[in-house]
């Protein structure tokens, strides 16, 4: 894999609920996407190290530490996956079990531990790499840092380490089902760089600022807003304004059978 050349300009979209409903009746199309060939099992995923963090896959022994993080309602309301705290230690244990074999081929998700003390202060990654539970078919990122450690650069360290490790996994081109509203101007069957969706409630200004900074100028392929029901448990399917973007893999995929990179 080599560094990507200049990409096409970012596309900006806005969908109201009625427009999204109209788009929702469109069929999902198949595209040729460069994506990780095989994920290593969690036991073989090497820890990621930053200047202050040890970032590694969760194990059963992390249950109590993770429950402390997951029990913080004010923090967990911002999780794009959960949107609410774990109700018990048993629920947290169950959630960890869902990250271990035989389910570890479905995620790229880690805990962020202080390198000096071993304290768990955050979590993040891609909970569903296959996009089976997402609106678009792309994986959606979810990153959280404990409130006592926010605005100290830990989120940046976690995000950059996890996403860099994801982009650098060995890849092959495979067909992927995607909703056309997140890849405008591409015909079905087109060859695409793989993307990750960043999504948050539009009212969450800190998230908008953080992810905007993390996206930089080159990786964001699409950004916009849309109205849709909040389907997270306990949210009563409230109509919600969302903001988001898709981040394109900054590393150009070169197909060994074709000898050139060809994502659009």
Protein backbone atom coordinates (compact mmCIF):
# COMPACT_ATOMS: atom_id res chain seq x y z
CA UNK A 1 0.00 0.00 0.00
CA UNK A 2 1.23 3.47 -0.84
CA UNK A 3 0.32 6.99 0.07
CA UNK A 4 -2.83 8.17 -1.62
CA UNK A 5 -2.75 10.86 -4.30
CA UNK A 6 -4.93 13.95 -4.03
CA UNK A 7 -8.56 12.98 -3.64
CA UNK A 8 -11.60 14.46 -5.27
CA UNK A 9 -13.21 17.38 -3.39
CA UNK A 10 -15.35 16.54 -0.38
CA UNK A 11 -19.08 16.26 -1.03
CA UNK A 12 -21.54 18.00 1.34
CA UNK A 13 -25.11 16.70 1.70
CA UNK A 14 -28.17 17.55 3.80
CA UNK A 15 -31.16 15.26 4.21
CA UNK A 16 -34.43 16.08 5.92
CA UNK A 17 -36.43 13.18 7.36
CA UNK A 18 -38.73 13.11 4.32
CA UNK A 19 -35.77 13.14 1.94
CA UNK A 20 -34.08 10.38 3.91
CA UNK A 21 -37.29 8.36 3.78
CA UNK A 22 -37.32 8.74 0.01
CA UNK A 23 -33.67 7.68 -0.14
CA UNK A 24 -34.40 4.73 2.14
CA UNK A 25 -36.58 3.06 -0.48
CA UNK A 26 -33.61 2.90 -2.83
CA UNK A 27 -31.96 -0.50 -2.97
CA UNK A 28 -28.55 -1.00 -1.48
CA UNK A 29 -26.01 -1.55 -4.24
CA UNK A 30 -22.87 -3.62 -4.40
CA UNK A 31 -19.52 -1.85 -4.78
CA UNK A 32 -15.95 -3.10 -5.06
CA UNK A 33 -14.31 -1.94 -1.84
CA UNK A 34 -10.79 -2.44 -0.53
CA UNK A 35 -11.23 -3.78 3.01
CA UNK A 36 -9.28 -5.85 5.54
CA UNK A 37 -8.77 -9.39 4.32
CA UNK A 38 -8.74 -11.20 7.67
CA UNK A 39 -8.75 -9.71 11.16
CA UNK A 40 -6.35 -11.25 13.66
CA UNK A 41 -8.12 -12.68 16.72
CA UNK A 42 -8.12 -10.40 19.76
CA UNK A 43 -5.43 -12.53 21.39
CA UNK A 44 -3.12 -11.74 18.47
CA UNK A 45 -3.82 -8.02 18.20
CA UNK A 46 -0.71 -6.26 19.47
CA UNK A 47 -1.16 -3.38 21.91
CA UNK A 48 -0.94 0.09 20.45
CA UNK A 49 1.31 2.51 22.31
CA UNK A 50 1.25 6.28 22.35
CA UNK A 51 3.23 8.70 24.49
CA UNK A 52 0.79 8.24 27.40
CA UNK A 53 -1.53 5.35 26.55
CA UNK A 54 -1.49 1.61 26.22
CA UNK A 55 -4.33 0.73 23.85
CA UNK A 56 -5.32 -2.92 23.75
CA UNK A 57 -8.23 -5.29 23.22
CA UNK A 58 -10.49 -5.90 26.20
CA UNK A 59 -10.28 -9.11 28.23
CA UNK A 60 -12.66 -10.52 30.83
CA UNK A 61 -10.52 -9.19 33.66
CA UNK A 62 -11.32 -5.62 32.54
CA UNK A 63 -14.99 -5.95 33.49
CA UNK A 64 -14.96 -3.88 36.68
CA UNK A 65 -12.83 -1.12 35.16
CA UNK A 66 -14.98 -0.98 32.05
CA UNK A 67 -18.16 -0.96 34.12
CA UNK A 68 -16.97 2.18 35.88
CA UNK A 69 -16.71 3.82 32.46
CA UNK A 70 -19.94 2.32 31.16
CA UNK A 71 -21.91 3.32 34.29
CA UNK A 72 -21.34 7.04 33.63
CA UNK A 73 -24.67 8.09 32.12
CA UNK A 74 -23.46 11.55 31.13
CA UNK A 75 -20.59 10.02 29.17
CA UNK A 76 -22.40 7.06 27.66
CA UNK A 77 -25.26 9.14 26.28
CA UNK A 78 -22.82 10.17 23.56
CA UNK A 79 -22.06 6.61 22.45
CA UNK A 80 -23.41 6.23 18.93
CA UNK A 81 -23.96 2.52 19.63
CA UNK A 82 -25.39 2.43 23.16
CA UNK A 83 -26.53 5.91 24.13
CA UNK A 84 -27.11 4.90 27.75
CA UNK A 85 -25.13 3.43 30.68
CA UNK A 86 -24.80 -0.26 31.46
CA UNK A 87 -27.34 -1.18 34.12
CA UNK A 88 -25.16 -3.70 35.93
CA UNK A 89 -21.73 -5.29 36.08
CA UNK A 90 -23.30 -8.37 34.51
CA UNK A 91 -24.31 -6.33 31.48
CA UNK A 92 -20.76 -5.04 31.11
CA UNK A 93 -19.42 -8.59 31.38
CA UNK A 94 -21.83 -9.61 28.63
CA UNK A 95 -20.66 -6.72 26.47
CA UNK A 96 -17.04 -7.79 26.90
CA UNK A 97 -18.01 -11.34 25.92
CA UNK A 98 -19.36 -9.90 22.67
CA UNK A 99 -15.84 -8.63 21.89
CA UNK A 100 -14.19 -12.03 22.39
CA UNK A 101 -14.15 -15.17 20.20
CA UNK A 102 -16.19 -16.12 18.29
CA UNK A 103 -17.35 -12.51 17.84
CA UNK A 104 -13.95 -10.87 17.46
CA UNK A 105 -14.07 -10.97 13.67
CA UNK A 106 -16.81 -8.32 13.79
CA UNK A 107 -15.00 -5.42 15.47
CA UNK A 108 -11.82 -3.38 15.78
CA UNK A 109 -12.38 -2.05 19.30
CA UNK A 110 -9.98 -1.23 22.14
CA UNK A 111 -9.60 0.09 25.65
CA UNK A 112 -7.35 3.07 26.43
CA UNK A 113 -5.24 2.57 29.55
CA UNK A 114 -2.81 5.02 31.13
CA UNK A 115 0.64 3.62 30.42
CA UNK A 116 1.99 4.64 33.84
CA UNK A 117 -0.82 3.35 36.06
CA UNK A 118 -2.88 0.94 33.96
CA UNK A 119 -6.09 2.89 34.65
CA UNK A 120 -8.78 2.50 31.98
CA UNK A 121 -9.76 6.00 30.83
CA UNK A 122 -11.41 5.40 27.46
CA UNK A 123 -12.63 3.07 24.78
CA UNK A 124 -12.98 3.30 21.06
CA UNK A 125 -12.83 1.87 17.60
CA UNK A 126 -15.22 0.22 15.18
CA UNK A 127 -17.83 -1.91 16.99
CA UNK A 128 -19.29 -3.31 13.75
CA UNK A 129 -16.78 -3.49 10.90
CA UNK A 130 -19.26 -5.18 8.57
CA UNK A 131 -21.76 -2.31 8.85
CA UNK A 132 -24.65 -4.67 9.54
CA UNK A 133 -26.14 -2.38 12.19
CA UNK A 134 -25.36 0.96 10.50
CA UNK A 135 -27.50 3.18 8.30
CA UNK A 136 -25.05 3.21 5.39
CA UNK A 137 -23.22 -0.11 5.31
CA UNK A 138 -19.92 1.52 6.26
CA UNK A 139 -18.56 0.85 9.76
CA UNK A 140 -19.25 3.62 12.27
CA UNK A 141 -16.63 4.77 14.77
CA UNK A 142 -17.35 5.17 18.49
CA UNK A 143 -14.82 6.87 20.80
CA UNK A 144 -15.26 7.90 24.44
CA UNK A 145 -12.86 9.31 27.03
CA UNK A 146 -13.70 9.45 30.75
CA UNK A 147 -14.88 12.93 31.69
CA UNK A 148 -12.00 13.52 34.12
CA UNK A 149 -9.54 13.05 31.26
CA UNK A 150 -11.25 14.96 28.46
CA UNK A 151 -9.62 17.96 26.75
CA UNK A 152 -6.16 16.73 27.65
CA UNK A 153 -5.22 15.17 24.32
CA UNK A 154 -6.04 11.58 25.25
CA UNK A 155 -8.87 11.38 22.73
CA UNK A 156 -6.51 12.46 19.97
CA UNK A 157 -3.98 9.79 20.95
CA UNK A 158 -6.65 7.09 21.05
CA UNK A 159 -8.32 8.08 17.78
CA UNK A 160 -5.10 8.42 15.80
CA UNK A 161 -3.63 5.14 17.08
CA UNK A 162 -6.76 3.07 16.46
CA UNK A 163 -7.56 4.54 13.06
CA UNK A 164 -3.95 4.28 11.87
CA UNK A 165 -3.91 0.61 12.87
CA UNK A 166 -7.19 0.08 11.01
CA UNK A 167 -6.10 1.78 7.81
CA UNK A 168 -2.86 -0.20 7.78
CA UNK A 169 -4.39 -3.67 8.00
CA UNK A 170 -3.69 -5.82 4.89
CA UNK A 171 -6.49 -5.42 2.39
CA UNK A 172 -8.14 -7.05 -0.57
CA UNK A 173 -10.94 -5.92 -2.81
CA UNK A 174 -14.33 -7.44 -2.06
CA UNK A 175 -17.93 -6.59 -2.81
CA UNK A 176 -19.75 -4.60 -0.16
CA UNK A 177 -23.39 -3.57 0.07
CA UNK A 178 -23.75 0.19 0.62
CA UNK A 179 -26.59 2.66 0.56
CA UNK A 180 -26.13 5.01 -2.42
CA UNK A 181 -26.94 8.15 -0.41
CA UNK A 182 -23.51 7.99 1.29
CA UNK A 183 -21.61 7.62 -1.98
CA UNK A 184 -23.19 10.09 -4.39
CA UNK A 185 -21.82 10.27 -7.92
CA UNK A 186 -20.70 6.63 -7.92
CA UNK A 187 -22.36 3.98 -10.05
CA UNK A 188 -23.06 0.50 -8.66
CA UNK A 189 -20.03 -1.75 -9.01
CA UNK A 190 -17.55 1.13 -8.79
CA UNK A 191 -14.18 0.55 -7.13
CA UNK A 192 -14.03 2.51 -3.88
CA UNK A 193 -11.60 3.19 -1.09
CA UNK A 194 -12.95 1.88 2.18
CA UNK A 195 -14.48 4.46 4.50
CA UNK A 196 -15.47 4.87 8.13
CA UNK A 197 -18.47 6.92 9.24
CA UNK A 198 -18.25 9.44 12.06
CA UNK A 199 -21.74 10.28 13.34
CA UNK A 200 -23.02 12.26 16.33
CA UNK A 201 -26.02 14.29 17.40
CA UNK A 202 -25.85 17.70 15.73
CA UNK A 203 -26.22 19.38 19.13
CA UNK A 204 -23.02 17.72 20.37
CA UNK A 205 -20.66 20.60 19.56
CA UNK A 206 -17.60 19.12 21.34
CA UNK A 207 -17.90 15.98 19.20
CA UNK A 208 -18.21 18.08 16.04
CA UNK A 209 -15.07 20.04 16.94
CA UNK A 210 -13.09 16.94 17.90
CA UNK A 211 -13.95 14.82 14.87
CA UNK A 212 -13.54 17.79 12.55
CA UNK A 213 -10.02 18.20 13.86
CA UNK A 214 -9.32 14.48 13.54
CA UNK A 215 -10.56 14.36 9.95
CA UNK A 216 -8.18 17.07 8.82
CA UNK A 217 -8.33 18.34 5.28
CA UNK A 218 -7.70 15.21 3.22
CA UNK A 219 -9.56 12.23 4.64
CA UNK A 220 -13.16 13.49 4.75
CA UNK A 221 -14.92 12.28 1.59
CA UNK A 222 -18.47 13.29 2.55
CA UNK A 223 -19.99 15.41 5.29
CA UNK A 224 -23.48 16.54 6.06
CA UNK A 225 -26.54 16.48 8.28
CA UNK A 226 -29.67 14.39 8.32
CA UNK A 227 -32.83 13.84 10.36
CA UNK A 228 -33.66 10.36 11.52
CA UNK A 229 -35.13 8.50 14.46
CA UNK A 230 -32.81 7.70 17.36
CA UNK A 231 -32.98 3.91 17.49
CA UNK A 232 -30.70 3.47 20.51
CA UNK A 233 -32.31 1.65 23.41
CA UNK A 234 -34.27 3.94 25.70
CA UNK A 235 -34.41 6.88 23.28
CA UNK A 236 -38.08 6.33 22.30
CA UNK A 237 -37.17 6.68 18.63
CA UNK A 238 -37.11 10.46 18.96
CA UNK A 239 -36.65 12.39 15.72
CA UNK A 240 -33.09 13.70 15.96
CA UNK A 241 -30.80 15.93 13.93
CA UNK A 242 -27.50 14.17 13.21
CA UNK A 243 -24.19 15.36 11.81
CA UNK A 244 -21.51 13.21 10.34
CA UNK A 245 -18.84 12.52 7.78
CA UNK A 246 -17.20 9.63 6.03
CA UNK A 247 -13.44 9.31 6.33
CA UNK A 248 -11.74 7.67 3.36
CA UNK A 249 -8.71 5.46 3.85
CA UNK A 250 -5.69 7.74 3.28
CA UNK A 251 -3.62 4.77 2.07
CA UNK A 252 -4.08 3.88 -1.58
CA UNK A 253 -4.95 0.23 -2.12
CA UNK A 254 -2.94 -1.42 -4.91
CA UNK A 255 -4.47 -4.60 -6.24
CA UNK A 256 -1.61 -7.11 -6.70
CA UNK A 257 -3.48 -8.65 -9.64
CA UNK A 258 -3.81 -5.34 -11.43
CA UNK A 259 -0.70 -3.51 -10.28
CA UNK A 260 -2.29 -0.11 -9.74
CA UNK A 261 -4.49 1.74 -7.33
CA UNK A 262 -7.88 2.50 -8.73
CA UNK A 263 -10.28 3.79 -6.11
CA UNK A 264 -12.51 6.57 -7.30
